[in-house]
Amino acid sequence: MQLNIYSDDNYLPKGIEPVPMLYPFWKQFIPTEKYPWSKLYGKYIEVSNSLFKMTSLKEADLVIMPINWRAIRG
């Protein structure tokens, strides 16, 4: 069973990467091979579509804040 999730990259500040949970759905943010940690999320990216489905806000079971909360806390 997949969990329906929703997130909107309009809420992602320019120059800030999204939380890794969203990498499979926003492929433009997946770290490139030049970084040693880029392979860290490989398995998750492979299996993520069996776990989550990106849907509309109305259909979502869960809304994902696209930025790590630690990056915006004051």
Protein backbone atom coordinates (compact mmCIF):
# COMPACT_ATOMS: atom_id res chain seq x y z
CA MET A 1 0.00 0.00 0.00
CA GLN A 2 1.29 3.43 -0.93
CA LEU A 3 0.96 6.53 1.20
CA ASN A 4 -0.35 9.50 -0.79
CA ILE A 5 1.86 12.52 -0.22
CA TYR A 6 1.78 16.13 -1.36
CA SER A 7 4.41 18.83 -1.45
CA ASP A 8 4.89 21.99 -3.47
CA ASP A 9 8.28 23.25 -4.61
CA ASN A 10 6.88 26.78 -4.66
CA TYR A 11 7.49 26.73 -0.89
CA LEU A 12 11.14 25.80 -1.34
CA PRO A 13 13.36 28.88 -1.03
CA LYS A 14 15.66 29.49 -3.99
CA GLY A 15 19.03 27.81 -3.56
CA ILE A 16 17.80 25.42 -0.85
CA GLU A 17 17.54 21.69 -1.52
CA PRO A 18 14.39 19.82 -0.53
CA VAL A 19 14.23 17.14 2.12
CA PRO A 20 15.65 13.87 0.73
CA MET A 21 12.24 12.22 0.99
CA LEU A 22 11.21 14.25 -2.05
CA TYR A 23 14.23 13.41 -4.28
CA PRO A 24 12.41 10.66 -6.21
CA PHE A 25 9.58 13.05 -7.07
CA TRP A 26 11.71 16.10 -7.82
CA LYS A 27 14.56 14.48 -9.71
CA GLN A 28 16.20 17.82 -10.54
CA PHE A 29 17.32 17.99 -6.88
CA ILE A 30 19.00 14.57 -6.64
CA PRO A 31 22.67 15.12 -5.73
CA THR A 32 25.07 14.52 -8.60
CA GLU A 33 27.74 11.83 -8.63
CA LYS A 34 30.44 14.40 -7.81
CA TYR A 35 29.40 14.34 -4.15
CA PRO A 36 30.40 11.28 -2.07
CA TRP A 37 27.04 11.18 -0.35
CA SER A 38 25.08 11.10 -3.61
CA LYS A 39 24.79 7.30 -3.51
CA LEU A 40 23.35 7.47 -0.01
CA TYR A 41 19.80 7.81 -1.35
CA GLY A 42 20.09 5.36 -4.26
CA LYS A 43 18.17 2.49 -2.70
CA TYR A 44 15.48 4.82 -1.35
CA ILE A 45 15.04 6.38 -4.80
CA GLU A 46 14.64 2.87 -6.26
CA VAL A 47 11.94 1.76 -3.80
CA SER A 48 10.20 5.06 -3.07
CA ASN A 49 7.47 4.59 -5.66
CA SER A 50 6.37 1.42 -3.88
CA LEU A 51 6.06 3.42 -0.65
CA PHE A 52 4.77 6.83 -1.71
CA LYS A 53 2.69 8.38 -4.45
CA MET A 54 2.75 12.12 -5.11
CA THR A 55 -0.85 13.32 -5.34
CA SER A 56 -2.91 16.46 -5.15
CA LEU A 57 -3.41 18.18 -1.81
CA LYS A 58 -7.01 17.00 -1.72
CA GLU A 59 -6.04 13.32 -2.16
CA ALA A 60 -2.99 13.38 0.12
CA ASP A 61 -2.74 11.40 3.34
CA LEU A 62 0.25 13.47 4.36
CA VAL A 63 1.68 16.87 3.41
CA ILE A 64 5.48 17.11 3.31
CA MET A 65 7.18 20.41 4.06
CA PRO A 66 9.76 20.64 1.25
CA ILE A 67 12.51 22.18 3.38
CA ASN A 68 14.18 20.79 6.45
CA TRP A 69 12.62 22.60 9.41
CA ARG A 70 16.06 23.05 10.95
CA ALA A 71 17.03 25.28 8.04
CA ILE A 72 14.21 27.75 8.77
CA ARG A 73 13.92 27.76 12.54
CA GLY A 74 14.84 31.02 14.19
